[in-house]
């Protein structure tokens, strides 16, 4: 295990390819609609507010990931995953239920199958963006709870910091930037100073750019002992207008943009593409028979892997979801598209 850890921590010549385990320990309706069936709520907060919802979430956590999934990842040489969690991961905060048991088990499986985890604080108290994937749709009020956020990060670091499976901790996911820029920069630095005191040397401390990479690049003053990594997410650009292009031409344009972003930002710190997928503008799919959609997805995956060649690592969204296709990496492999 020590040799595995040392190998992982050395500089990689090519991006480390990995997957997100989204939709498991923080549920999202669009990914697992059956968990929300019969309920009009949009997020985990709403579903957790009913006794039946709590039972559904508990059952989902037990069944969405099994040891067979970790074995599948290992056999396909997937050595890195990004694991989204909410701030309630280790402590109940009504109506949320903690995921302590599942999270401990995830690290047990990761160590067993030599898989590294980027532990991603995907949902903050008060919500950092007001969207479904923060756990609570509504107002952006996370700044009221900065002390609690730091306590959560410290607790996570204390519990998992010594695990050889911990690649890093991501302190926030896709925050809303407008009106919160300076608060975010202050929080990033405070979180870094706290975590570098708690984590073993070499553990990555990751911050997310809020879809504004040029504004946040260099936001954290790092020390040599604990590397800082910026996480950027690349999805669609100008899909209404650029959706009139061919998939290849579309990828050429966004490739020029994304390569430029990576080139500029890597001068300040390493950069990972924490979320990307084979998603293309719907107009492109509408123009061709459904029988050709799989080939389109496979082709854009190949092109995007080349686009992200200068990143430290990439994490495809997502390992799996209900239904098959672009957000279900395992289905793409099993269907022979990858």
C-alpha atoms as a PDB file:
ATOM      1  CA  UNK A   1       0.000   0.000   0.000  1.00  0.00           C
ATOM      2  CA  UNK A   2       2.899   2.360   0.761  1.00  0.00           C
ATOM      3  CA  UNK A   3       4.328   1.818  -2.736  1.00  0.00           C
ATOM      4  CA  UNK A   4       0.891   2.506  -4.205  1.00  0.00           C
ATOM      5  CA  UNK A   5       0.608   5.740  -2.223  1.00  0.00           C
ATOM      6  CA  UNK A   6       4.093   6.923  -3.275  1.00  0.00           C
ATOM      7  CA  UNK A   7       3.368   6.168  -6.908  1.00  0.00           C
ATOM      8  CA  UNK A   8       0.094   8.094  -6.799  1.00  0.00           C
ATOM      9  CA  UNK A   9       1.741  11.122  -5.196  1.00  0.00           C
ATOM     10  CA  UNK A  10       4.420  11.475  -7.869  1.00  0.00           C
ATOM     11  CA  UNK A  11       3.864  13.819 -10.797  1.00  0.00           C
ATOM     12  CA  UNK A  12       1.847  12.232 -13.580  1.00  0.00           C
ATOM     13  CA  UNK A  13       2.877  12.563 -17.216  1.00  0.00           C
ATOM     14  CA  UNK A  14      -0.739  12.291 -18.367  1.00  0.00           C
ATOM     15  CA  UNK A  15      -4.009  13.158 -16.629  1.00  0.00           C
ATOM     16  CA  UNK A  16      -5.277  10.689 -14.070  1.00  0.00           C
ATOM     17  CA  UNK A  17      -8.640   9.516 -15.386  1.00  0.00           C
ATOM     18  CA  UNK A  18     -11.349   8.907 -12.820  1.00  0.00           C
ATOM     19  CA  UNK A  19     -15.085   8.983 -12.200  1.00  0.00           C
ATOM     20  CA  UNK A  20     -17.532  10.783  -9.944  1.00  0.00           C
ATOM     21  CA  UNK A  21     -19.682   8.766  -7.547  1.00  0.00           C
ATOM     22  CA  UNK A  22     -22.418  11.373  -7.642  1.00  0.00           C
ATOM     23  CA  UNK A  23     -26.027  10.623  -6.715  1.00  0.00           C
ATOM     24  CA  UNK A  24     -25.077   8.177  -3.959  1.00  0.00           C
ATOM     25  CA  UNK A  25     -24.431   9.960  -0.645  1.00  0.00           C
ATOM     26  CA  UNK A  26     -26.130  13.149  -1.826  1.00  0.00           C
ATOM     27  CA  UNK A  27     -29.178  12.346  -3.916  1.00  0.00           C
ATOM     28  CA  UNK A  28     -30.237  14.327  -6.974  1.00  0.00           C
ATOM     29  CA  UNK A  29     -33.665  13.805  -8.486  1.00  0.00           C
ATOM     30  CA  UNK A  30     -32.546  13.930 -12.114  1.00  0.00           C
ATOM     31  CA  UNK A  31     -30.006  11.151 -11.501  1.00  0.00           C
ATOM     32  CA  UNK A  32     -32.188   8.773  -9.488  1.00  0.00           C
ATOM     33  CA  UNK A  33     -35.820   9.759 -10.112  1.00  0.00           C
ATOM     34  CA  UNK A  34     -37.200   6.525  -8.645  1.00  0.00           C
ATOM     35  CA  UNK A  35     -36.001   7.574  -5.178  1.00  0.00           C
ATOM     36  CA  UNK A  36     -38.245  10.660  -5.460  1.00  0.00           C
ATOM     37  CA  UNK A  37     -41.221   8.939  -7.127  1.00  0.00           C
ATOM     38  CA  UNK A  38     -44.524  10.192  -5.736  1.00  0.00           C
ATOM     39  CA  UNK A  39     -42.916  13.227  -4.104  1.00  0.00           C
ATOM     40  CA  UNK A  40     -42.978  16.719  -5.571  1.00  0.00           C
ATOM     41  CA  UNK A  41     -39.764  17.754  -3.815  1.00  0.00           C
ATOM     42  CA  UNK A  42     -36.595  18.509  -5.756  1.00  0.00           C
ATOM     43  CA  UNK A  43     -33.769  17.944  -3.312  1.00  0.00           C
ATOM     44  CA  UNK A  44     -32.472  15.786  -0.450  1.00  0.00           C
ATOM     45  CA  UNK A  45     -33.684  18.306   2.117  1.00  0.00           C
ATOM     46  CA  UNK A  46     -37.257  18.000   0.903  1.00  0.00           C
ATOM     47  CA  UNK A  47     -37.171  14.223   0.600  1.00  0.00           C
ATOM     48  CA  UNK A  48     -35.569  13.844   4.019  1.00  0.00           C
ATOM     49  CA  UNK A  49     -38.393  15.862   5.563  1.00  0.00           C
ATOM     50  CA  UNK A  50     -40.818  12.924   5.355  1.00  0.00           C
ATOM     51  CA  UNK A  51     -40.470   9.563   7.136  1.00  0.00           C
ATOM     52  CA  UNK A  52     -41.031   7.705   3.876  1.00  0.00           C
ATOM     53  CA  UNK A  53     -38.373   9.848   2.224  1.00  0.00           C
ATOM     54  CA  UNK A  54     -35.836   9.010   4.905  1.00  0.00           C
ATOM     55  CA  UNK A  55     -36.486   5.304   4.390  1.00  0.00           C
ATOM     56  CA  UNK A  56     -36.056   5.656   0.634  1.00  0.00           C
ATOM     57  CA  UNK A  57     -32.777   7.500   1.042  1.00  0.00           C
ATOM     58  CA  UNK A  58     -31.499   4.894   3.496  1.00  0.00           C
ATOM     59  CA  UNK A  59     -32.387   2.079   1.100  1.00  0.00           C
ATOM     60  CA  UNK A  60     -30.812   3.927  -1.824  1.00  0.00           C
ATOM     61  CA  UNK A  61     -27.528   4.346   0.054  1.00  0.00           C
ATOM     62  CA  UNK A  62     -27.388   0.588   0.667  1.00  0.00           C
ATOM     63  CA  UNK A  63     -28.088  -0.430  -2.917  1.00  0.00           C
ATOM     64  CA  UNK A  64     -26.588   2.227  -5.216  1.00  0.00           C
ATOM     65  CA  UNK A  65     -23.017   1.119  -4.504  1.00  0.00           C
ATOM     66  CA  UNK A  66     -22.024  -2.444  -3.625  1.00  0.00           C
ATOM     67  CA  UNK A  67     -18.658  -4.170  -3.441  1.00  0.00           C
ATOM     68  CA  UNK A  68     -19.295  -5.383  -6.970  1.00  0.00           C
ATOM     69  CA  UNK A  69     -19.163  -1.744  -8.118  1.00  0.00           C
ATOM     70  CA  UNK A  70     -15.758  -1.214  -6.506  1.00  0.00           C
ATOM     71  CA  UNK A  71     -14.569  -4.477  -8.047  1.00  0.00           C
ATOM     72  CA  UNK A  72     -15.821  -3.292 -11.460  1.00  0.00           C
ATOM     73  CA  UNK A  73     -13.889  -0.031 -11.099  1.00  0.00           C
ATOM     74  CA  UNK A  74     -10.737  -1.899 -10.132  1.00  0.00           C
ATOM     75  CA  UNK A  75     -10.983  -4.313 -13.071  1.00  0.00           C
ATOM     76  CA  UNK A  76     -11.364  -1.352 -15.468  1.00  0.00           C
ATOM     77  CA  UNK A  77      -8.245   0.304 -13.971  1.00  0.00           C
ATOM     78  CA  UNK A  78     -10.208   3.208 -12.487  1.00  0.00           C
ATOM     79  CA  UNK A  79      -7.891   4.277  -9.664  1.00  0.00           C
ATOM     80  CA  UNK A  80      -9.497   7.629  -8.755  1.00  0.00           C
ATOM     81  CA  UNK A  81     -13.002   8.695  -7.781  1.00  0.00           C
ATOM     82  CA  UNK A  82     -14.503  11.963  -6.629  1.00  0.00           C
ATOM     83  CA  UNK A  83     -17.061  11.350  -3.884  1.00  0.00           C
ATOM     84  CA  UNK A  84     -19.662  14.119  -3.323  1.00  0.00           C
ATOM     85  CA  UNK A  85     -21.068  14.450   0.200  1.00  0.00           C
ATOM     86  CA  UNK A  86     -23.125  16.975   2.155  1.00  0.00           C
ATOM     87  CA  UNK A  87     -22.051  18.827   5.270  1.00  0.00           C
ATOM     88  CA  UNK A  88     -24.249  16.395   7.251  1.00  0.00           C
ATOM     89  CA  UNK A  89     -22.025  13.440   6.272  1.00  0.00           C
ATOM     90  CA  UNK A  90     -20.802  12.651   9.798  1.00  0.00           C
ATOM     91  CA  UNK A  91     -23.468  14.309  11.912  1.00  0.00           C
ATOM     92  CA  UNK A  92     -27.256  14.485  11.578  1.00  0.00           C
ATOM     93  CA  UNK A  93     -28.716  17.920  10.966  1.00  0.00           C
ATOM     94  CA  UNK A  94     -32.475  17.532  10.845  1.00  0.00           C
ATOM     95  CA  UNK A  95     -33.910  16.552   8.441  1.00  0.00           C
ATOM     96  CA  UNK A  96     -30.641  15.248   6.948  1.00  0.00           C
ATOM     97  CA  UNK A  97     -29.334  11.830   8.024  1.00  0.00           C
ATOM     98  CA  UNK A  98     -25.610  11.240   8.315  1.00  0.00           C
ATOM     99  CA  UNK A  99     -23.732   8.854   6.010  1.00  0.00           C
ATOM    100  CA  UNK A 100     -21.009   7.897   8.497  1.00  0.00           C
ATOM    101  CA  UNK A 101     -21.470   4.165   7.983  1.00  0.00           C
ATOM    102  CA  UNK A 102     -21.486   4.414   4.186  1.00  0.00           C
ATOM    103  CA  UNK A 103     -18.517   6.780   4.104  1.00  0.00           C
ATOM    104  CA  UNK A 104     -16.420   4.536   6.346  1.00  0.00           C
ATOM    105  CA  UNK A 105     -17.305   1.623   4.072  1.00  0.00           C
ATOM    106  CA  UNK A 106     -16.343   3.621   0.970  1.00  0.00           C
ATOM    107  CA  UNK A 107     -12.850   4.175   2.344  1.00  0.00           C
ATOM    108  CA  UNK A 108     -12.641   0.497   3.301  1.00  0.00           C
ATOM    109  CA  UNK A 109     -13.500  -0.499  -0.270  1.00  0.00           C
ATOM    110  CA  UNK A 110     -11.166   2.106  -1.759  1.00  0.00           C
ATOM    111  CA  UNK A 111      -8.251   0.812   0.283  1.00  0.00           C
ATOM    112  CA  UNK A 112      -9.087  -2.788  -0.601  1.00  0.00           C
ATOM    113  CA  UNK A 113      -9.231  -2.075  -4.348  1.00  0.00           C
ATOM    114  CA  UNK A 114      -6.423   0.524  -4.477  1.00  0.00           C
ATOM    115  CA  UNK A 115      -8.692   3.404  -5.452  1.00  0.00           C
ATOM    116  CA  UNK A 116      -7.983   6.984  -4.388  1.00  0.00           C
ATOM    117  CA  UNK A 117     -10.804   9.264  -3.184  1.00  0.00           C
ATOM    118  CA  UNK A 118     -11.215  12.995  -3.628  1.00  0.00           C
ATOM    119  CA  UNK A 119     -13.661  13.729  -0.819  1.00  0.00           C
ATOM    120  CA  UNK A 120     -15.862  16.503  -2.176  1.00  0.00           C
ATOM    121  CA  UNK A 121     -17.909  18.746   0.135  1.00  0.00           C
ATOM    122  CA  UNK A 122     -20.676  19.040  -2.432  1.00  0.00           C
ATOM    123  CA  UNK A 123     -23.332  20.624  -0.224  1.00  0.00           C
ATOM    124  CA  UNK A 124     -22.714  23.319   2.410  1.00  0.00           C
ATOM    125  CA  UNK A 125     -25.091  24.391   5.142  1.00  0.00           C
ATOM    126  CA  UNK A 126     -27.224  27.225   3.822  1.00  0.00           C
ATOM    127  CA  UNK A 127     -26.308  26.112   0.273  1.00  0.00           C
ATOM    128  CA  UNK A 128     -23.401  27.557  -1.671  1.00  0.00           C
ATOM    129  CA  UNK A 129     -25.414  27.899  -4.888  1.00  0.00           C
ATOM    130  CA  UNK A 130     -29.107  27.323  -4.155  1.00  0.00           C
ATOM    131  CA  UNK A 131     -29.338  24.365  -6.543  1.00  0.00           C
ATOM    132  CA  UNK A 132     -30.365  20.721  -6.228  1.00  0.00           C
ATOM    133  CA  UNK A 133     -26.856  19.350  -5.958  1.00  0.00           C
ATOM    134  CA  UNK A 134     -26.160  21.413  -2.838  1.00  0.00           C
ATOM    135  CA  UNK A 135     -28.884  19.436  -1.096  1.00  0.00           C
ATOM    136  CA  UNK A 136     -31.258  22.378  -0.663  1.00  0.00           C
ATOM    137  CA  UNK A 137     -32.812  24.513  -3.375  1.00  0.00           C
ATOM    138  CA  UNK A 138     -33.307  28.134  -2.382  1.00  0.00           C
ATOM    139  CA  UNK A 139     -31.321  31.067  -1.073  1.00  0.00           C
ATOM    140  CA  UNK A 140     -27.532  31.127  -0.886  1.00  0.00           C
ATOM    141  CA  UNK A 141     -26.838  31.496   2.845  1.00  0.00           C
ATOM    142  CA  UNK A 142     -23.612  29.520   3.378  1.00  0.00           C
ATOM    143  CA  UNK A 143     -21.712  32.599   4.597  1.00  0.00           C
ATOM    144  CA  UNK A 144     -23.726  32.510   7.849  1.00  0.00           C
ATOM    145  CA  UNK A 145     -22.184  29.143   8.671  1.00  0.00           C
ATOM    146  CA  UNK A 146     -18.486  29.479   7.871  1.00  0.00           C
ATOM    147  CA  UNK A 147     -17.447  28.305  11.334  1.00  0.00           C
ATOM    148  CA  UNK A 148     -19.606  25.188  10.944  1.00  0.00           C
ATOM    149  CA  UNK A 149     -18.098  24.510   7.504  1.00  0.00           C
ATOM    150  CA  UNK A 150     -14.592  24.658   8.918  1.00  0.00           C
ATOM    151  CA  UNK A 151     -15.628  22.291  11.713  1.00  0.00           C
ATOM    152  CA  UNK A 152     -16.976  19.834   9.135  1.00  0.00           C
ATOM    153  CA  UNK A 153     -13.719  19.934   7.168  1.00  0.00           C
ATOM    154  CA  UNK A 154     -11.717  19.360  10.342  1.00  0.00           C
ATOM    155  CA  UNK A 155     -13.879  16.401  11.309  1.00  0.00           C
ATOM    156  CA  UNK A 156     -13.494  14.848   7.854  1.00  0.00           C
ATOM    157  CA  UNK A 157      -9.731  15.372   7.946  1.00  0.00           C
ATOM    158  CA  UNK A 158      -9.457  13.868  11.438  1.00  0.00           C
ATOM    159  CA  UNK A 159     -11.455  10.806  10.453  1.00  0.00           C
ATOM    160  CA  UNK A 160     -10.007  10.046   7.009  1.00  0.00           C
ATOM    161  CA  UNK A 161      -6.755  11.985   6.873  1.00  0.00           C
ATOM    162  CA  UNK A 162      -4.590   8.973   7.642  1.00  0.00           C
ATOM    163  CA  UNK A 163      -6.261   6.698   5.096  1.00  0.00           C
ATOM    164  CA  UNK A 164      -3.955   5.822   2.183  1.00  0.00           C
ATOM    165  CA  UNK A 165      -7.059   6.081  -0.013  1.00  0.00           C
ATOM    166  CA  UNK A 166      -7.484   9.832   0.589  1.00  0.00           C
ATOM    167  CA  UNK A 167      -6.157  11.762  -2.434  1.00  0.00           C
ATOM    168  CA  UNK A 168      -7.509  15.078  -1.233  1.00  0.00           C
ATOM    169  CA  UNK A 169     -10.393  17.061   0.211  1.00  0.00           C
ATOM    170  CA  UNK A 170     -12.419  19.488  -1.904  1.00  0.00           C
ATOM    171  CA  UNK A 171     -13.675  22.330   0.276  1.00  0.00           C
ATOM    172  CA  UNK A 172     -16.625  23.426  -1.852  1.00  0.00           C
ATOM    173  CA  UNK A 173     -18.461  22.572  -5.075  1.00  0.00           C
ATOM    174  CA  UNK A 174     -19.655  25.045  -7.723  1.00  0.00           C
ATOM    175  CA  UNK A 175     -20.296  28.047  -5.462  1.00  0.00           C
ATOM    176  CA  UNK A 176     -22.275  31.027  -6.689  1.00  0.00           C
ATOM    177  CA  UNK A 177     -19.679  33.723  -7.376  1.00  0.00           C
ATOM    178  CA  UNK A 178     -21.752  36.853  -7.996  1.00  0.00           C
ATOM    179  CA  UNK A 179     -22.016  38.722  -4.714  1.00  0.00           C
ATOM    180  CA  UNK A 180     -19.831  36.207  -2.883  1.00  0.00           C
ATOM    181  CA  UNK A 181     -16.395  36.556  -4.512  1.00  0.00           C
ATOM    182  CA  UNK A 182     -14.431  37.995  -1.588  1.00  0.00           C
ATOM    183  CA  UNK A 183     -16.179  35.787   0.959  1.00  0.00           C
ATOM    184  CA  UNK A 184     -15.196  32.760  -1.102  1.00  0.00           C
ATOM    185  CA  UNK A 185     -11.548  33.783  -1.333  1.00  0.00           C
ATOM    186  CA  UNK A 186     -11.410  34.325   2.415  1.00  0.00           C
ATOM    187  CA  UNK A 187     -13.076  30.981   3.081  1.00  0.00           C
ATOM    188  CA  UNK A 188     -10.684  29.180   0.717  1.00  0.00           C
ATOM    189  CA  UNK A 189      -7.621  30.473   2.542  1.00  0.00           C
ATOM    190  CA  UNK A 190      -9.052  29.749   5.993  1.00  0.00           C
ATOM    191  CA  UNK A 191     -10.027  26.228   4.939  1.00  0.00           C
ATOM    192  CA  UNK A 192      -6.552  25.626   3.520  1.00  0.00           C
ATOM    193  CA  UNK A 193      -4.795  26.797   6.680  1.00  0.00           C
ATOM    194  CA  UNK A 194      -7.001  24.520   8.772  1.00  0.00           C
ATOM    195  CA  UNK A 195      -6.594  21.438   6.581  1.00  0.00           C
ATOM    196  CA  UNK A 196      -2.839  21.686   6.171  1.00  0.00           C
ATOM    197  CA  UNK A 197      -2.566  21.400   9.951  1.00  0.00           C
ATOM    198  CA  UNK A 198      -4.765  18.297   9.974  1.00  0.00           C
ATOM    199  CA  UNK A 199      -3.744  16.340   6.867  1.00  0.00           C
ATOM    200  CA  UNK A 200      -0.581  14.397   6.150  1.00  0.00           C
ATOM    201  CA  UNK A 201       1.941  16.129   3.859  1.00  0.00           C
ATOM    202  CA  UNK A 202       1.201  15.650   0.180  1.00  0.00           C
ATOM    203  CA  UNK A 203      -2.567  15.469   0.575  1.00  0.00           C
ATOM    204  CA  UNK A 204      -4.276  17.718  -1.957  1.00  0.00           C
ATOM    205  CA  UNK A 205      -6.509  20.561  -0.817  1.00  0.00           C
ATOM    206  CA  UNK A 206      -8.886  21.381  -3.635  1.00  0.00           C
ATOM    207  CA  UNK A 207     -11.042  24.433  -4.301  1.00  0.00           C
ATOM    208  CA  UNK A 208     -13.640  24.907  -7.027  1.00  0.00           C
ATOM    209  CA  UNK A 209     -13.635  27.900  -9.363  1.00  0.00           C
ATOM    210  CA  UNK A 210     -17.399  28.535  -9.512  1.00  0.00           C
ATOM    211  CA  UNK A 211     -17.191  28.481 -13.336  1.00  0.00           C
ATOM    212  CA  UNK A 212     -14.872  31.492 -13.149  1.00  0.00           C
ATOM    213  CA  UNK A 213     -11.399  29.928 -13.422  1.00  0.00           C
ATOM    214  CA  UNK A 214      -9.545  33.096 -14.364  1.00  0.00           C
ATOM    215  CA  UNK A 215     -10.984  34.939 -11.353  1.00  0.00           C
ATOM    216  CA  UNK A 216     -10.056  32.240  -8.844  1.00  0.00           C
ATOM    217  CA  UNK A 217      -6.784  30.878 -10.159  1.00  0.00           C
ATOM    218  CA  UNK A 218      -4.170  31.496  -7.462  1.00  0.00           C
ATOM    219  CA  UNK A 219      -6.829  32.133  -4.804  1.00  0.00           C
ATOM    220  CA  UNK A 220      -4.959  30.101  -2.169  1.00  0.00           C
ATOM    221  CA  UNK A 221      -1.411  30.786  -1.007  1.00  0.00           C
ATOM    222  CA  UNK A 222      -0.017  27.284  -0.702  1.00  0.00           C
ATOM    223  CA  UNK A 223       2.896  25.813   1.222  1.00  0.00           C
ATOM    224  CA  UNK A 224       5.202  23.117  -0.147  1.00  0.00           C
ATOM    225  CA  UNK A 225       3.847  20.490   2.235  1.00  0.00           C
ATOM    226  CA  UNK A 226       0.229  20.559   1.049  1.00  0.00           C
ATOM    227  CA  UNK A 227      -0.451  21.092  -2.670  1.00  0.00           C
ATOM    228  CA  UNK A 228      -3.341  23.275  -3.736  1.00  0.00           C
ATOM    229  CA  UNK A 229      -5.388  22.119  -6.712  1.00  0.00           C
ATOM    230  CA  UNK A 230      -8.071  24.067  -8.565  1.00  0.00           C
ATOM    231  CA  UNK A 231     -11.116  22.155  -9.767  1.00  0.00           C
ATOM    232  CA  UNK A 232     -12.840  23.359 -12.925  1.00  0.00           C
ATOM    233  CA  UNK A 233     -15.923  21.854 -14.571  1.00  0.00           C
ATOM    234  CA  UNK A 234     -16.357  21.755 -18.333  1.00  0.00           C
ATOM    235  CA  UNK A 235     -19.746  21.106 -19.862  1.00  0.00           C
ATOM    236  CA  UNK A 236     -21.679  22.877 -22.655  1.00  0.00           C
ATOM    237  CA  UNK A 237     -20.867  26.299 -24.066  1.00  0.00           C
ATOM    238  CA  UNK A 238     -23.165  28.383 -26.271  1.00  0.00           C
ATOM    239  CA  UNK A 239     -25.317  25.349 -26.974  1.00  0.00           C
ATOM    240  CA  UNK A 240     -28.191  27.278 -28.536  1.00  0.00           C
ATOM    241  CA  UNK A 241     -26.070  28.816 -31.269  1.00  0.00           C
ATOM    242  CA  UNK A 242     -23.141  26.408 -31.466  1.00  0.00           C
ATOM    243  CA  UNK A 243     -25.555  23.490 -31.419  1.00  0.00           C
ATOM    244  CA  UNK A 244     -26.032  24.134 -35.132  1.00  0.00           C
ATOM    245  CA  UNK A 245     -22.480  22.891 -35.750  1.00  0.00           C
ATOM    246  CA  UNK A 246     -21.322  19.319 -36.158  1.00  0.00           C
ATOM    247  CA  UNK A 247     -20.134  17.583 -32.952  1.00  0.00           C
ATOM    248  CA  UNK A 248     -16.556  17.654 -34.231  1.00  0.00           C
ATOM    249  CA  UNK A 249     -16.659  21.385 -34.971  1.00  0.00           C
ATOM    250  CA  UNK A 250     -18.328  22.046 -31.635  1.00  0.00           C
ATOM    251  CA  UNK A 251     -15.608  20.166 -29.783  1.00  0.00           C
ATOM    252  CA  UNK A 252     -12.952  22.063 -31.723  1.00  0.00           C
ATOM    253  CA  UNK A 253     -14.341  25.397 -30.497  1.00  0.00           C
ATOM    254  CA  UNK A 254     -14.761  24.394 -26.876  1.00  0.00           C
ATOM    255  CA  UNK A 255     -11.391  22.645 -27.082  1.00  0.00           C
ATOM    256  CA  UNK A 256      -9.713  25.937 -27.985  1.00  0.00           C
ATOM    257  CA  UNK A 257     -11.398  27.624 -25.016  1.00  0.00           C
ATOM    258  CA  UNK A 258     -10.742  24.867 -22.481  1.00  0.00           C
ATOM    259  CA  UNK A 259      -7.103  24.388 -23.506  1.00  0.00           C
ATOM    260  CA  UNK A 260      -6.517  28.116 -23.089  1.00  0.00           C
ATOM    261  CA  UNK A 261      -8.078  28.073 -19.616  1.00  0.00           C
ATOM    262  CA  UNK A 262      -5.948  25.133 -18.526  1.00  0.00           C
ATOM    263  CA  UNK A 263      -2.793  26.707 -19.980  1.00  0.00           C
ATOM    264  CA  UNK A 264      -3.284  29.997 -18.120  1.00  0.00           C
ATOM    265  CA  UNK A 265      -4.456  28.564 -14.795  1.00  0.00           C
ATOM    266  CA  UNK A 266      -1.744  25.918 -14.489  1.00  0.00           C
ATOM    267  CA  UNK A 267       0.817  28.687 -13.963  1.00  0.00           C
ATOM    268  CA  UNK A 268      -0.759  29.295 -10.532  1.00  0.00           C
ATOM    269  CA  UNK A 269      -1.538  25.731  -9.397  1.00  0.00           C
ATOM    270  CA  UNK A 270      -2.340  22.266 -10.766  1.00  0.00           C
ATOM    271  CA  UNK A 271      -5.811  22.006 -12.261  1.00  0.00           C
ATOM    272  CA  UNK A 272      -8.205  19.071 -12.389  1.00  0.00           C
ATOM    273  CA  UNK A 273     -11.316  18.804 -14.520  1.00  0.00           C
ATOM    274  CA  UNK A 274     -13.511  17.508 -11.726  1.00  0.00           C
ATOM    275  CA  UNK A 275     -16.623  17.151 -13.873  1.00  0.00           C
ATOM    276  CA  UNK A 276     -17.097  16.581 -17.585  1.00  0.00           C
ATOM    277  CA  UNK A 277     -19.173  14.213 -19.676  1.00  0.00           C
ATOM    278  CA  UNK A 278     -20.125  13.248 -23.200  1.00  0.00           C
ATOM    279  CA  UNK A 279     -23.023  15.691 -23.178  1.00  0.00           C
ATOM    280  CA  UNK A 280     -23.604  17.583 -26.431  1.00  0.00           C
ATOM    281  CA  UNK A 281     -26.290  20.133 -27.383  1.00  0.00           C
ATOM    282  CA  UNK A 282     -29.649  18.427 -27.865  1.00  0.00           C
ATOM    283  CA  UNK A 283     -29.918  19.884 -31.385  1.00  0.00           C
ATOM    284  CA  UNK A 284     -27.069  17.626 -32.483  1.00  0.00           C
ATOM    285  CA  UNK A 285     -28.887  14.510 -31.323  1.00  0.00           C
ATOM    286  CA  UNK A 286     -32.145  15.657 -32.888  1.00  0.00           C
ATOM    287  CA  UNK A 287     -30.539  15.814 -36.341  1.00  0.00           C
ATOM    288  CA  UNK A 288     -29.495  12.150 -36.498  1.00  0.00           C
ATOM    289  CA  UNK A 289     -31.196   8.787 -35.867  1.00  0.00           C
ATOM    290  CA  UNK A 290     -31.053   7.465 -32.321  1.00  0.00           C
ATOM    291  CA  UNK A 291     -28.938   4.565 -33.559  1.00  0.00           C
ATOM    292  CA  UNK A 292     -26.083   7.043 -34.135  1.00  0.00           C
ATOM    293  CA  UNK A 293     -26.213   8.683 -30.695  1.00  0.00           C
ATOM    294  CA  UNK A 294     -23.870   6.169 -29.097  1.00  0.00           C
ATOM    295  CA  UNK A 295     -21.174   6.776 -31.673  1.00  0.00           C
ATOM    296  CA  UNK A 296     -21.510  10.535 -31.102  1.00  0.00           C
ATOM    297  CA  UNK A 297     -20.987  10.073 -27.382  1.00  0.00           C
ATOM    298  CA  UNK A 298     -17.962   7.850 -27.887  1.00  0.00           C
ATOM    299  CA  UNK A 299     -16.382  10.313 -30.344  1.00  0.00           C
ATOM    300  CA  UNK A 300     -16.799  13.343 -28.085  1.00  0.00           C
ATOM    301  CA  UNK A 301     -15.321  11.402 -25.163  1.00  0.00           C
ATOM    302  CA  UNK A 302     -12.214  10.642 -27.234  1.00  0.00           C
ATOM    303  CA  UNK A 303     -11.882  14.270 -28.311  1.00  0.00           C
ATOM    304  CA  UNK A 304     -12.397  15.642 -24.808  1.00  0.00           C
ATOM    305  CA  UNK A 305      -9.751  13.366 -23.328  1.00  0.00           C
ATOM    306  CA  UNK A 306      -7.301  15.022 -25.716  1.00  0.00           C
ATOM    307  CA  UNK A 307      -8.573  18.492 -24.797  1.00  0.00           C
ATOM    308  CA  UNK A 308      -7.857  17.872 -21.103  1.00  0.00           C
ATOM    309  CA  UNK A 309      -4.392  16.430 -21.675  1.00  0.00           C
ATOM    310  CA  UNK A 310      -2.664  19.175 -19.644  1.00  0.00           C
ATOM    311  CA  UNK A 311      -4.873  18.740 -16.565  1.00  0.00           C
ATOM    312  CA  UNK A 312      -3.536  16.904 -13.531  1.00  0.00           C
ATOM    313  CA  UNK A 313      -6.616  14.679 -13.422  1.00  0.00           C
ATOM    314  CA  UNK A 314     -10.115  14.376 -14.849  1.00  0.00           C
ATOM    315  CA  UNK A 315     -13.283  12.936 -13.307  1.00  0.00           C
ATOM    316  CA  UNK A 316     -16.122  11.899 -15.626  1.00  0.00           C
ATOM    317  CA  UNK A 317     -19.667  12.649 -14.418  1.00  0.00           C
ATOM    318  CA  UNK A 318     -20.884  10.092 -13.548  1.00  0.00           C
ATOM    319  CA  UNK A 319     -20.068   6.472 -12.718  1.00  0.00           C
ATOM    320  CA  UNK A 320     -23.730   5.543 -13.073  1.00  0.00           C
ATOM    321  CA  UNK A 321     -27.279   6.845 -12.930  1.00  0.00           C
ATOM    322  CA  UNK A 322     -30.773   5.532 -13.643  1.00  0.00           C
ATOM    323  CA  UNK A 323     -31.133   4.985 -17.349  1.00  0.00           C
ATOM    324  CA  UNK A 324     -28.220   4.567 -19.712  1.00  0.00           C
ATOM    325  CA  UNK A 325     -26.226   7.005 -21.786  1.00  0.00           C
ATOM    326  CA  UNK A 326     -24.074  10.089 -21.377  1.00  0.00           C
ATOM    327  CA  UNK A 327     -24.254  10.442 -17.584  1.00  0.00           C
ATOM    328  CA  UNK A 328     -23.796   6.709 -16.961  1.00  0.00           C
ATOM    329  CA  UNK A 329     -20.177   5.827 -17.693  1.00  0.00           C
ATOM    330  CA  UNK A 330     -20.567   2.190 -16.783  1.00  0.00           C
ATOM    331  CA  UNK A 331     -23.368   1.780 -19.336  1.00  0.00           C
ATOM    332  CA  UNK A 332     -21.174   3.317 -22.030  1.00  0.00           C
ATOM    333  CA  UNK A 333     -18.525   0.693 -21.291  1.00  0.00           C
ATOM    334  CA  UNK A 334     -20.990  -2.191 -21.061  1.00  0.00           C
ATOM    335  CA  UNK A 335     -22.655  -1.112 -24.315  1.00  0.00           C
ATOM    336  CA  UNK A 336     -19.309  -1.157 -26.086  1.00  0.00           C
ATOM    337  CA  UNK A 337     -19.112   2.579 -26.754  1.00  0.00           C
ATOM    338  CA  UNK A 338     -15.914   3.027 -24.725  1.00  0.00           C
END
